[in-house]
Amino acid sequence: MRAMTMDGERLIRSLRLNEEQPVLDIKWIRENQESFLKGLKDRGSDDPKRTLTQVLSLDEERRATIQKLQEAQAHRNAASKEIGNAKAAKDEGAAKRLMEEVARLKTAIQEGEAAEREVEKKYQDLLATIPNVPAADVPVGPDADSNKVVREVGKPKKFSFQPKQHFELGEALGLMDFETAAKLSGARFVVLKGALARLERALAQFMLDLHTSEHGYTEINPPLLVHDDTMFGTAQLPKFMTDQFMAVSLALTPEQREAHANEQARLASRSEAVVEMHDASAKMFELIKETLDQPNVTEERRATIAKFLDHFGVEALRTEFELAKYLAENAYLETIFEDRRWLIPTAEVPLTNLVREDIVDEAKLPMRVTAGTPCFRAEAGAAGKDTRGMIRQHQFNKVELVSITTPEQSAEEHERMTACAETVLKRLEIPYRTVVLSTGDMGFAAEKTYDIEVWLPGQGAYREISSCSNCGDFQARRMNARYKPKGAKDTRFVHTLNGSGVAVGRALIAVLENYQEADGSIRVPEVLKPYMGGLAKIEAPR
């Protein structure tokens, strides 16, 4: 066993998630079963009918358990009142019977509450793994081949030379260093230097200025480390846990140190007991082995003894001993993982969660916020993809756009947000196209997504630089984020939207490849020159 590891299933079980609020509209599922099945089928679900059956079965079990518990509670309350009446009437016999009944009901209620917690967890755990239902106008298909191009803007430039890829340009300039980054942090990192470091900063500043001054977004500087519930709210957890980076603190509070010491002592005593058992059993097994050498032992008897020793022998006890020893030495793991944080994979996570567990004033909707932050992704499923260059990094910068709206506003806001992201590329004068993603290519939380793909002449291909998604009330239900319509008695769930406005590192790639010169220098786009101190061209340092 390795120190400083935590079993994946144990980590999932330890997630501190809000399980009080249903993450899907179960009433809609009950009343629209065919639409729910179609949504799962279009998403590529292996067995939509089985999923629906599990959801409805757990929902029925949950409601029956709650009803039974409520009936027991009502019966207990009624019996408790009758005790007072019986004592007032000096009917001690009736009072005694009622007190016995209340005691029995107390036990039944405790058992009912435990049963309710168990079925509620199963119910919520299942719902948390089911993706959003696609909007009606999303193209149906299994993968990216079914995406539909909505528009193409700008024509790819025809070069008089063979255009290079961004990493060839950056390394030739001496301003993009993957070798040093690998020495510092491993694969999928980069060190940018000089004018390229400034160009990336200029791109982020330009985007933030554009979105805040012209598009009506409010700039936010959010935390980069967030709790389980925050990641659950935007649907990164629990399904995509292996795509995330987690941070823990090795420092313990006095209370944690005391709890750790107590746990270590408990495990140590267990370890000592196992050692004693191991030593005694070893002697017993040695005596049993000696019987194998006796001349009067039949072959059948020898085989039986050998099988017993193989199955229940010293090795099994040694494994238990090693486990107890390991737990005693590493008891602090449980403590430090309890205080974990997650590095944000996108600023969508903290920005969307600004309204978690809140009732937003309808007059403030739509609410539009933006942030430029580092982002961190484990890229667990990216083995072998884009291994060279900056396309797929563990750490990258991105300007994020998030909108919180009413249900009536979200479709129009989705188009607006996509247009805001497109404006970045228009101002940079870089060709791009916008596609609507198919049901099989769309993200888990989205009901509709537009991808903006920028033209990269070095690759001779369009590559994603922004995804703009309308999530409907999917994330709002996980966050319990609501608003109260004017004149209404009840609250409603908000709709949430998010989009890249845009990925800064990929914008840098696009500038390098589209503005390259035959000598390997890079022209600075007009819109970025004020952010670059008037620099017109990036050349290798002399």
Protein backbone atom coordinates (compact mmCIF):
# COMPACT_ATOMS: atom_id res chain seq x y z
CA MET A 1 0.00 0.00 0.00
CA ARG A 2 1.18 3.51 -0.80
CA ALA A 3 1.11 6.38 1.67
CA MET A 4 -0.89 9.50 0.77
CA THR A 5 -3.47 7.70 -1.36
CA MET A 6 -7.20 7.56 -0.91
CA ASP A 7 -9.45 4.93 -2.46
CA GLY A 8 -11.67 6.50 -5.13
CA GLU A 9 -14.88 5.00 -3.79
CA ARG A 10 -14.07 6.18 -0.26
CA LEU A 11 -13.44 9.66 -1.61
CA ILE A 12 -16.79 9.68 -3.43
CA ARG A 13 -18.53 8.51 -0.25
CA SER A 14 -16.82 11.30 1.70
CA LEU A 15 -18.02 14.07 -0.62
CA ARG A 16 -19.93 16.67 1.36
CA LEU A 17 -22.82 17.30 -1.03
CA ASN A 18 -26.18 18.98 -0.58
CA GLU A 19 -28.62 16.08 -0.72
CA GLU A 20 -31.65 17.93 0.61
CA GLN A 21 -32.66 19.34 -2.78
CA PRO A 22 -33.69 16.99 -5.66
CA VAL A 23 -31.24 17.58 -8.51
CA LEU A 24 -33.81 16.73 -11.20
CA ASP A 25 -37.51 17.61 -11.50
CA ILE A 26 -39.03 14.28 -10.45
CA LYS A 27 -42.55 15.57 -11.06
CA TRP A 28 -41.61 16.33 -14.68
CA ILE A 29 -40.03 12.87 -15.04
CA ARG A 30 -43.18 11.16 -13.72
CA GLU A 31 -45.43 13.14 -16.07
CA ASN A 32 -43.13 13.09 -19.13
CA GLN A 33 -41.63 9.61 -19.12
CA GLU A 34 -41.38 9.31 -22.91
CA SER A 35 -39.61 12.67 -23.20
CA PHE A 36 -37.22 11.65 -20.42
CA LEU A 37 -36.49 8.33 -22.16
CA LYS A 38 -35.90 10.13 -25.47
CA GLY A 39 -33.53 12.59 -23.81
CA LEU A 40 -31.46 9.77 -22.30
CA LYS A 41 -31.48 7.80 -25.57
CA ASP A 42 -30.38 10.87 -27.55
CA ARG A 43 -27.61 11.38 -25.00
CA GLY A 44 -26.33 7.88 -25.73
CA SER A 45 -27.46 6.24 -22.48
CA ASP A 46 -26.83 2.48 -22.45
CA ASP A 47 -30.21 1.56 -20.99
CA PRO A 48 -32.67 4.48 -20.64
CA LYS A 49 -35.58 2.25 -19.59
CA ARG A 50 -33.56 0.72 -16.78
CA THR A 51 -32.57 4.20 -15.56
CA LEU A 52 -36.19 5.38 -15.64
CA THR A 53 -37.33 2.24 -13.79
CA GLN A 54 -34.67 2.79 -11.10
CA VAL A 55 -35.65 6.46 -10.69
CA LEU A 56 -39.38 5.74 -10.41
CA SER A 57 -38.83 2.75 -8.10
CA LEU A 58 -36.60 4.74 -5.71
CA ASP A 59 -39.01 7.68 -5.88
CA GLU A 60 -41.91 5.40 -4.91
CA GLU A 61 -39.89 3.75 -2.15
CA ARG A 62 -38.81 7.16 -0.87
CA ARG A 63 -42.36 8.54 -0.78
CA ALA A 64 -43.68 5.38 0.91
CA THR A 65 -40.91 5.54 3.53
CA ILE A 66 -41.64 9.22 4.23
CA GLN A 67 -45.38 8.56 4.50
CA LYS A 68 -44.85 5.66 6.89
CA LEU A 69 -42.52 7.79 9.01
CA GLN A 70 -44.96 10.70 9.08
CA GLU A 71 -47.78 8.36 10.13
CA ALA A 72 -45.65 6.99 12.98
CA GLN A 73 -44.78 10.52 14.09
CA ALA A 74 -48.43 11.56 14.01
CA HIS A 75 -49.41 8.45 15.99
CA ARG A 76 -46.70 9.18 18.56
CA ASN A 77 -47.84 12.79 18.96
CA ALA A 78 -51.45 11.70 19.39
CA ALA A 79 -50.46 9.03 21.93
CA SER A 80 -48.33 11.55 23.85
CA LYS A 81 -51.35 13.84 24.19
CA GLU A 82 -53.51 10.91 25.34
CA ILE A 83 -51.04 10.14 28.11
CA GLY A 84 -51.79 13.53 29.65
CA ASN A 85 -55.53 12.94 29.32
CA ALA A 86 -55.25 9.48 30.89
CA LYS A 87 -53.23 10.81 33.84
CA ALA A 88 -55.70 13.65 34.29
CA ALA A 89 -58.47 11.04 34.43
CA LYS A 90 -56.32 9.02 36.90
CA ASP A 91 -56.42 6.05 34.52
CA GLU A 92 -52.93 4.72 35.28
CA GLY A 93 -53.50 1.53 33.27
CA ALA A 94 -54.29 3.47 30.11
CA ALA A 95 -51.41 5.86 30.76
CA LYS A 96 -48.99 2.95 31.11
CA ARG A 97 -50.20 1.34 27.88
CA LEU A 98 -49.87 4.64 26.04
CA MET A 99 -46.36 5.22 27.39
CA GLU A 100 -45.34 1.75 26.18
CA GLU A 101 -46.87 2.59 22.80
CA VAL A 102 -44.91 5.87 22.62
CA ALA A 103 -41.69 4.02 23.48
CA ARG A 104 -42.39 1.48 20.72
CA LEU A 105 -43.16 4.27 18.27
CA LYS A 106 -39.97 6.08 19.23
CA THR A 107 -37.97 3.02 18.17
CA ALA A 108 -40.02 2.70 14.97
CA ILE A 109 -39.45 6.38 14.17
CA GLN A 110 -35.69 6.04 14.66
CA GLU A 111 -35.68 3.04 12.33
CA GLY A 112 -37.89 4.95 9.88
CA GLU A 113 -35.55 7.95 9.90
CA ALA A 114 -32.58 5.68 9.19
CA ALA A 115 -34.51 4.02 6.35
CA GLU A 116 -35.46 7.43 4.96
CA ARG A 117 -31.82 8.60 4.99
CA GLU A 118 -30.71 5.43 3.24
CA VAL A 119 -33.30 5.55 0.45
CA GLU A 120 -32.86 9.32 0.07
CA LYS A 121 -29.11 8.85 -0.47
CA LYS A 122 -29.67 6.13 -3.07
CA TYR A 123 -32.26 8.33 -4.79
CA GLN A 124 -30.09 11.45 -4.86
CA ASP A 125 -26.95 9.50 -5.85
CA LEU A 126 -28.81 8.10 -8.87
CA LEU A 127 -30.25 11.46 -9.91
CA ALA A 128 -26.80 13.08 -9.62
CA THR A 129 -25.47 10.78 -12.38
CA ILE A 130 -28.22 11.60 -14.92
CA PRO A 131 -27.37 14.33 -17.46
CA ASN A 132 -29.54 17.27 -18.46
CA VAL A 133 -32.27 16.61 -21.03
CA PRO A 134 -31.35 18.15 -24.42
CA ALA A 135 -33.43 21.02 -25.78
CA ALA A 136 -35.84 20.16 -28.58
CA ASP A 137 -33.80 21.98 -31.26
CA VAL A 138 -30.48 20.25 -30.50
CA PRO A 139 -29.33 17.98 -33.37
CA VAL A 140 -29.52 14.30 -32.45
CA GLY A 141 -26.35 12.29 -32.94
CA PRO A 142 -23.75 10.19 -31.13
CA ASP A 143 -20.68 12.45 -31.45
CA ALA A 144 -19.04 15.52 -32.99
CA ASP A 145 -19.76 14.28 -36.51
CA SER A 146 -23.41 15.19 -35.90
CA ASN A 147 -22.68 18.81 -34.93
CA LYS A 148 -24.19 21.46 -37.21
CA VAL A 149 -22.35 24.53 -38.45
CA VAL A 150 -24.44 27.64 -37.74
CA ARG A 151 -22.19 30.26 -39.35
CA GLU A 152 -18.67 30.87 -40.61
CA VAL A 153 -17.09 34.29 -40.14
CA GLY A 154 -13.94 35.43 -41.94
CA LYS A 155 -11.92 33.63 -44.59
CA PRO A 156 -8.73 31.75 -43.72
CA LYS A 157 -5.66 33.63 -44.95
CA LYS A 158 -3.67 32.16 -47.81
CA PHE A 159 0.01 32.14 -46.90
CA SER A 160 2.84 32.36 -49.41
CA PHE A 161 4.73 29.87 -47.22
CA GLN A 162 3.87 26.74 -45.23
CA PRO A 163 2.38 28.07 -41.96
CA LYS A 164 3.83 26.60 -38.78
CA GLN A 165 2.09 25.40 -35.66
CA HIS A 166 2.14 27.57 -32.56
CA PHE A 167 4.70 25.50 -30.65
CA GLU A 168 7.12 25.60 -33.58
CA LEU A 169 6.78 29.39 -33.71
CA GLY A 170 7.02 29.88 -29.95
CA GLU A 171 10.04 27.62 -29.50
CA ALA A 172 11.85 29.20 -32.46
CA LEU A 173 11.30 32.62 -30.87
CA GLY A 174 12.77 31.27 -27.64
CA LEU A 175 9.65 32.46 -25.77
CA MET A 176 7.73 29.17 -25.31
CA ASP A 177 9.51 26.58 -23.16
CA PHE A 178 7.96 23.15 -22.67
CA GLU A 179 11.18 21.46 -21.56
CA THR A 180 11.64 23.67 -18.52
CA ALA A 181 7.93 23.41 -17.70
CA ALA A 182 8.22 19.60 -17.75
CA LYS A 183 11.19 19.85 -15.37
CA LEU A 184 9.13 22.01 -13.03
CA SER A 185 5.74 20.33 -13.23
CA GLY A 186 5.65 17.45 -15.72
CA ALA A 187 3.82 17.11 -19.03
CA ARG A 188 1.08 19.48 -20.26
CA PHE A 189 2.57 22.66 -18.81
CA VAL A 190 4.38 25.57 -20.47
CA VAL A 191 6.64 28.46 -19.50
CA LEU A 192 5.94 31.62 -21.53
CA LYS A 193 8.57 34.31 -21.59
CA GLY A 194 8.96 37.95 -22.57
CA ALA A 195 6.64 39.18 -25.29
CA LEU A 196 4.56 35.95 -25.37
CA ALA A 197 3.92 36.18 -21.61
CA ARG A 198 2.84 39.79 -22.14
CA LEU A 199 0.71 38.82 -25.16
CA GLU A 200 -1.23 36.30 -23.09
CA ARG A 201 -1.79 38.92 -20.38
CA ALA A 202 -2.83 41.44 -23.04
CA LEU A 203 -5.40 39.03 -24.46
CA ALA A 204 -7.00 38.48 -21.05
CA GLN A 205 -7.10 42.22 -20.31
CA PHE A 206 -8.58 42.98 -23.72
CA MET A 207 -11.32 40.38 -23.24
CA LEU A 208 -12.23 41.55 -19.75
CA ASP A 209 -12.32 45.20 -20.86
CA LEU A 210 -14.55 44.27 -23.81
CA HIS A 211 -17.04 42.27 -21.75
CA THR A 212 -17.24 44.75 -18.87
CA SER A 213 -17.32 48.00 -20.86
CA GLU A 214 -19.38 46.94 -23.87
CA HIS A 215 -21.28 43.77 -22.96
CA GLY A 216 -22.55 44.64 -19.48
CA TYR A 217 -20.72 41.99 -17.46
CA THR A 218 -19.47 42.69 -13.94
CA GLU A 219 -15.91 41.57 -13.28
CA ILE A 220 -15.40 39.19 -10.36
CA ASN A 221 -12.17 37.98 -8.76
CA PRO A 222 -13.27 34.60 -7.32
CA PRO A 223 -11.51 31.96 -5.20
CA LEU A 224 -9.59 29.32 -7.14
CA LEU A 225 -10.15 26.68 -4.42
CA VAL A 226 -13.71 25.55 -3.70
CA HIS A 227 -15.66 23.06 -1.57
CA ASP A 228 -17.42 19.85 -2.63
CA ASP A 229 -20.86 21.50 -2.73
CA THR A 230 -19.59 24.19 -5.08
CA MET A 231 -18.29 21.62 -7.56
CA PHE A 232 -21.48 19.61 -7.19
CA GLY A 233 -23.59 22.67 -7.97
CA THR A 234 -22.12 23.05 -11.45
CA ALA A 235 -22.03 19.23 -11.94
CA GLN A 236 -18.27 18.62 -11.87
CA LEU A 237 -18.92 16.28 -8.94
CA PRO A 238 -19.42 13.45 -8.49
CA LYS A 239 -19.37 12.22 -12.11
CA PHE A 240 -16.21 14.01 -13.26
CA MET A 241 -14.14 13.74 -10.09
CA THR A 242 -11.20 12.10 -11.89
CA ASP A 243 -10.89 15.11 -14.21
CA GLN A 244 -10.20 17.44 -11.28
CA PHE A 245 -7.23 18.46 -9.16
CA MET A 246 -7.71 18.35 -5.40
CA ALA A 247 -5.75 20.27 -2.77
CA VAL A 248 -5.35 19.32 0.89
CA SER A 249 -3.59 20.96 3.81
CA LEU A 250 -1.18 18.89 5.89
CA ALA A 251 -1.57 21.30 8.83
CA LEU A 252 -3.96 20.10 11.53
CA THR A 253 -5.93 22.18 14.02
CA PRO A 254 -5.57 21.27 17.73
CA GLU A 255 -8.97 19.55 17.56
CA GLN A 256 -7.93 17.58 14.48
CA ARG A 257 -4.63 16.60 16.09
CA GLU A 258 -6.49 15.28 19.16
CA ALA A 259 -8.96 13.35 17.00
CA HIS A 260 -6.06 11.96 14.95
CA ALA A 261 -4.20 10.88 18.11
CA ASN A 262 -7.31 9.08 19.41
CA GLU A 263 -7.84 7.33 16.10
CA GLN A 264 -4.19 6.38 15.89
CA ALA A 265 -4.35 4.90 19.40
CA ARG A 266 -7.46 2.92 18.50
CA LEU A 267 -5.86 1.56 15.35
CA ALA A 268 -2.61 0.83 17.17
CA SER A 269 -4.47 -1.29 19.75
CA ARG A 270 -6.13 -3.10 16.87
CA SER A 271 -2.73 -3.64 15.33
CA GLU A 272 -1.36 -5.08 18.60
CA ALA A 273 -4.32 -7.44 18.85
CA VAL A 274 -3.73 -8.62 15.32
CA VAL A 275 -0.03 -9.19 16.09
CA GLU A 276 -0.93 -11.36 19.09
CA MET A 277 -3.46 -13.27 17.01
CA HIS A 278 -0.92 -13.60 14.22
CA ASP A 279 1.75 -15.07 16.56
CA ALA A 280 -0.68 -17.51 18.22
CA SER A 281 -2.12 -18.60 14.92
CA ALA A 282 1.32 -19.06 13.41
CA LYS A 283 2.19 -21.52 16.17
CA MET A 284 -1.12 -23.34 15.64
CA PHE A 285 -0.56 -23.60 11.92
CA GLU A 286 2.96 -24.92 12.44
CA LEU A 287 1.54 -27.70 14.64
CA ILE A 288 -1.03 -28.51 11.97
CA LYS A 289 1.70 -28.62 9.33
CA GLU A 290 3.62 -31.14 11.46
CA THR A 291 0.68 -33.56 11.17
CA LEU A 292 1.33 -33.71 7.44
CA ASP A 293 4.58 -35.54 8.20
CA GLN A 294 2.87 -38.27 10.23
CA PRO A 295 2.89 -41.66 8.43
CA ASN A 296 -0.73 -42.50 9.28
CA VAL A 297 -2.20 -39.38 7.54
CA THR A 298 -4.07 -40.31 4.35
CA GLU A 299 -3.56 -38.44 1.08
CA GLU A 300 -7.14 -37.19 1.27
CA ARG A 301 -6.46 -35.83 4.75
CA ARG A 302 -3.23 -34.19 3.58
CA ALA A 303 -5.10 -32.44 0.74
CA THR A 304 -7.78 -31.17 3.14
CA ILE A 305 -5.18 -29.79 5.56
CA ALA A 306 -3.21 -28.18 2.75
CA LYS A 307 -6.36 -26.52 1.42
CA PHE A 308 -7.18 -25.21 4.91
CA LEU A 309 -3.71 -23.76 5.35
CA ASP A 310 -3.82 -22.19 1.91
CA HIS A 311 -7.18 -20.51 2.56
CA PHE A 312 -6.91 -19.58 6.23
CA GLY A 313 -3.18 -19.58 6.69
CA VAL A 314 -0.64 -17.18 8.04
CA GLU A 315 -0.56 -15.08 4.85
CA ALA A 316 -4.19 -14.04 5.34
CA LEU A 317 -3.43 -12.97 8.89
CA ARG A 318 -0.27 -11.19 7.75
CA THR A 319 -2.39 -9.18 5.27
CA GLU A 320 -4.72 -8.17 8.11
CA PHE A 321 -1.72 -7.27 10.23
CA GLU A 322 -0.22 -5.10 7.48
CA LEU A 323 -3.57 -3.39 6.96
CA ALA A 324 -3.91 -2.56 10.66
CA LYS A 325 -0.34 -1.31 10.74
CA TYR A 326 -0.90 0.84 7.65
CA LEU A 327 -4.08 2.37 9.07
CA ALA A 328 -2.35 3.13 12.36
CA GLU A 329 0.52 4.87 10.59
CA ASN A 330 -1.69 6.80 8.15
CA ALA A 331 -4.75 7.66 10.22
CA TYR A 332 -4.17 11.33 9.47
CA LEU A 333 -5.19 10.75 5.83
CA GLU A 334 -8.86 10.74 6.73
CA THR A 335 -8.38 13.98 8.65
CA ILE A 336 -6.57 15.92 5.95
CA PHE A 337 -8.93 14.77 3.20
CA GLU A 338 -11.85 16.06 5.25
CA ASP A 339 -10.51 19.59 4.77
CA ARG A 340 -9.94 19.28 1.02
CA ARG A 341 -10.57 21.90 -1.65
CA TRP A 342 -10.83 21.55 -5.42
CA LEU A 343 -8.84 23.63 -7.90
CA ILE A 344 -11.40 25.16 -10.25
CA PRO A 345 -11.51 23.65 -13.78
CA THR A 346 -13.16 26.87 -14.97
CA ALA A 347 -14.39 30.09 -13.36
CA GLU A 348 -17.89 28.87 -14.24
CA VAL A 349 -17.73 26.98 -10.93
CA PRO A 350 -17.37 29.90 -8.45
CA LEU A 351 -19.24 32.42 -10.65
CA THR A 352 -22.37 30.26 -11.04
CA ASN A 353 -22.31 29.36 -7.35
CA LEU A 354 -22.52 33.04 -6.38
CA VAL A 355 -26.29 32.45 -6.24
CA ARG A 356 -26.18 29.04 -4.53
CA GLU A 357 -28.79 28.65 -1.79
CA ASP A 358 -30.02 32.16 -2.52
CA ILE A 359 -33.26 33.80 -3.65
CA VAL A 360 -32.29 36.37 -6.26
CA ASP A 361 -34.27 39.59 -6.75
CA GLU A 362 -36.05 39.20 -10.11
CA ALA A 363 -35.28 42.84 -10.91
CA LYS A 364 -31.57 41.96 -10.95
CA LEU A 365 -32.01 39.33 -13.65
CA PRO A 366 -30.37 38.73 -15.99
CA MET A 367 -27.26 38.84 -13.83
CA ARG A 368 -24.04 38.83 -15.88
CA VAL A 369 -20.58 38.24 -14.39
CA THR A 370 -17.13 37.56 -15.83
CA ALA A 371 -13.71 36.54 -14.51
CA GLY A 372 -10.27 35.89 -15.91
CA THR A 373 -8.63 33.09 -13.95
CA PRO A 374 -6.17 30.23 -14.11
CA CYS A 375 -7.99 26.92 -14.62
CA PHE A 376 -6.84 23.41 -13.72
CA ARG A 377 -7.85 20.12 -15.32
CA ALA A 378 -6.40 16.65 -14.87
CA GLU A 379 -7.37 15.76 -18.48
CA ALA A 380 -7.81 12.15 -17.36
CA GLY A 381 -9.35 11.14 -20.69
CA ALA A 382 -6.88 13.00 -22.89
CA ALA A 383 -4.10 10.40 -23.13
CA GLY A 384 -2.47 10.70 -26.54
CA LYS A 385 -4.44 13.80 -27.55
CA ASP A 386 -2.66 17.07 -28.41
CA THR A 387 0.49 15.96 -26.63
CA ARG A 388 2.55 18.77 -28.21
CA GLY A 389 1.91 22.42 -27.59
CA MET A 390 -0.62 24.41 -25.57
CA ILE A 391 -3.92 23.05 -26.89
CA ARG A 392 -4.55 20.76 -23.92
CA GLN A 393 -2.88 21.83 -20.68
CA HIS A 394 -3.28 20.97 -17.01
CA GLN A 395 -3.12 24.70 -16.21
CA PHE A 396 -4.42 27.42 -18.51
CA ASN A 397 -6.01 30.87 -18.41
CA LYS A 398 -9.57 31.61 -19.47
CA VAL A 399 -12.03 34.47 -19.38
CA GLU A 400 -15.41 33.10 -18.34
CA LEU A 401 -18.89 34.50 -18.89
CA VAL A 402 -21.81 33.49 -16.63
CA SER A 403 -25.42 34.62 -16.76
CA ILE A 404 -28.22 33.97 -14.26
CA THR A 405 -31.68 34.48 -15.77
CA THR A 406 -35.34 33.70 -15.52
CA PRO A 407 -36.56 30.71 -17.58
CA GLU A 408 -38.15 33.12 -20.07
CA GLN A 409 -34.85 34.96 -20.63
CA SER A 410 -32.40 32.07 -21.01
CA ALA A 411 -32.79 31.18 -24.71
CA GLU A 412 -32.26 34.80 -25.81
CA GLU A 413 -29.41 35.20 -23.31
CA HIS A 414 -27.74 32.13 -24.80
CA GLU A 415 -27.64 33.77 -28.22
CA ARG A 416 -26.39 37.02 -26.68
CA MET A 417 -23.61 35.31 -24.72
CA THR A 418 -22.43 33.45 -27.82
CA ALA A 419 -22.34 36.73 -29.74
CA CYS A 420 -20.27 38.33 -26.96
CA ALA A 421 -17.70 35.54 -27.21
CA GLU A 422 -17.67 35.79 -31.02
CA THR A 423 -16.93 39.51 -30.77
CA VAL A 424 -13.53 38.71 -29.26
CA LEU A 425 -12.50 36.90 -32.45
CA LYS A 426 -14.07 39.54 -34.68
CA ARG A 427 -11.99 42.24 -32.98
CA LEU A 428 -8.88 40.08 -33.30
CA GLU A 429 -9.78 39.58 -36.97
CA ILE A 430 -9.34 35.81 -36.80
CA PRO A 431 -11.59 33.47 -38.85
CA TYR A 432 -13.95 31.23 -36.89
CA ARG A 433 -17.11 29.20 -37.16
CA THR A 434 -19.91 28.53 -34.69
CA VAL A 435 -21.47 25.07 -34.40
CA VAL A 436 -24.35 23.74 -32.35
CA LEU A 437 -23.33 20.54 -30.60
CA SER A 438 -25.23 17.31 -31.03
CA THR A 439 -26.85 15.44 -28.15
CA GLY A 440 -23.92 13.03 -28.00
CA ASP A 441 -21.21 15.71 -27.97
CA MET A 442 -22.83 18.09 -25.50
CA GLY A 443 -21.64 18.55 -21.92
CA PHE A 444 -23.32 16.76 -18.99
CA ALA A 445 -25.02 19.86 -17.53
CA ALA A 446 -26.04 21.56 -20.79
CA GLU A 447 -29.39 21.48 -22.55
CA LYS A 448 -27.92 23.30 -25.57
CA THR A 449 -24.35 24.29 -26.46
CA TYR A 450 -22.68 26.40 -29.12
CA ASP A 451 -18.99 25.79 -29.75
CA ILE A 452 -16.94 28.55 -31.36
CA GLU A 453 -14.07 27.05 -33.34
CA VAL A 454 -11.14 29.22 -34.39
CA TRP A 455 -9.13 28.64 -37.55
CA LEU A 456 -5.56 27.46 -36.95
CA PRO A 457 -3.57 27.56 -40.22
CA GLY A 458 -0.66 25.62 -38.73
CA GLN A 459 -2.99 22.69 -38.14
CA GLY A 460 -5.17 23.43 -41.14
CA ALA A 461 -8.23 22.93 -38.94
CA TYR A 462 -10.85 24.65 -36.82
CA ARG A 463 -10.35 24.07 -33.08
CA GLU A 464 -12.65 24.88 -30.17
CA ILE A 465 -11.89 28.16 -28.40
CA SER A 466 -15.21 28.65 -26.60
CA SER A 467 -18.25 26.67 -25.46
CA CYS A 468 -21.41 28.59 -24.57
CA SER A 469 -24.06 26.52 -22.82
CA ASN A 470 -27.58 27.02 -21.58
CA CYS A 471 -28.03 24.71 -18.60
CA GLY A 472 -31.67 25.59 -17.93
CA ASP A 473 -32.51 24.88 -14.28
CA PHE A 474 -30.20 21.83 -14.10
CA GLN A 475 -27.45 23.55 -12.09
CA ALA A 476 -29.93 25.72 -10.20
CA ARG A 477 -31.59 22.62 -8.74
CA ARG A 478 -28.22 21.28 -7.59
CA MET A 479 -27.42 24.69 -6.02
CA ASN A 480 -30.98 25.42 -4.82
CA ALA A 481 -30.74 28.82 -6.54
CA ARG A 482 -34.11 30.56 -6.93
CA TYR A 483 -35.86 33.82 -7.64
CA LYS A 484 -39.34 35.07 -6.77
CA PRO A 485 -41.42 36.30 -9.73
CA LYS A 486 -43.19 39.58 -9.16
CA GLY A 487 -46.65 39.00 -7.67
CA ALA A 488 -46.07 35.26 -7.16
CA LYS A 489 -46.31 33.43 -3.86
CA ASP A 490 -43.76 30.72 -4.67
CA THR A 491 -40.16 30.87 -5.84
CA ARG A 492 -38.84 29.36 -9.07
CA PHE A 493 -35.46 28.01 -10.05
CA VAL A 494 -33.25 30.38 -12.03
CA HIS A 495 -31.63 29.36 -15.30
CA THR A 496 -27.83 29.37 -15.57
CA LEU A 497 -25.63 29.90 -18.62
CA ASN A 498 -21.87 29.81 -19.02
CA GLY A 499 -19.38 30.34 -21.81
CA SER A 500 -15.72 31.00 -22.49
CA GLY A 501 -15.15 34.56 -23.53
CA VAL A 502 -12.67 33.11 -24.57
CA ALA A 503 -9.92 30.58 -23.66
CA VAL A 504 -6.86 32.84 -23.37
CA GLY A 505 -4.23 30.21 -24.14
CA ARG A 506 -6.03 29.09 -27.28
CA ALA A 507 -6.50 32.72 -28.32
CA LEU A 508 -2.71 33.08 -28.00
CA ILE A 509 -2.30 30.03 -30.24
CA ALA A 510 -4.71 31.52 -32.78
CA VAL A 511 -2.85 34.85 -32.85
CA LEU A 512 0.52 33.13 -33.31
CA GLU A 513 -0.67 30.97 -36.19
CA ASN A 514 -2.83 33.56 -37.99
CA TYR A 515 -0.41 36.50 -37.61
CA GLN A 516 2.84 34.65 -38.35
CA GLU A 517 5.32 35.95 -40.93
CA ALA A 518 7.63 33.95 -43.17
CA ASP A 519 10.63 34.84 -40.96
CA GLY A 520 8.87 33.41 -37.87
CA SER A 521 7.96 36.78 -36.35
CA ILE A 522 4.42 37.51 -35.17
CA ARG A 523 2.46 40.65 -36.03
CA VAL A 524 0.50 42.03 -33.10
CA PRO A 525 -3.24 42.48 -33.86
CA GLU A 526 -4.30 46.15 -33.93
CA VAL A 527 -6.70 45.76 -31.03
CA LEU A 528 -3.90 44.41 -28.79
CA LYS A 529 -1.25 47.04 -29.53
CA PRO A 530 -2.39 49.39 -26.71
CA TYR A 531 -2.05 46.45 -24.29
CA MET A 532 1.42 45.65 -25.66
CA GLY A 533 2.84 49.14 -25.16
CA GLY A 534 2.57 49.86 -28.87
CA LEU A 535 4.62 46.81 -29.89
CA ALA A 536 3.80 45.95 -33.52
CA LYS A 537 5.77 42.74 -33.98
CA ILE A 538 7.12 39.96 -31.77
CA GLU A 539 10.55 38.78 -32.77
CA ALA A 540 13.22 36.58 -31.24
CA PRO A 541 15.22 38.45 -28.54
CA ARG A 542 18.51 39.67 -29.89
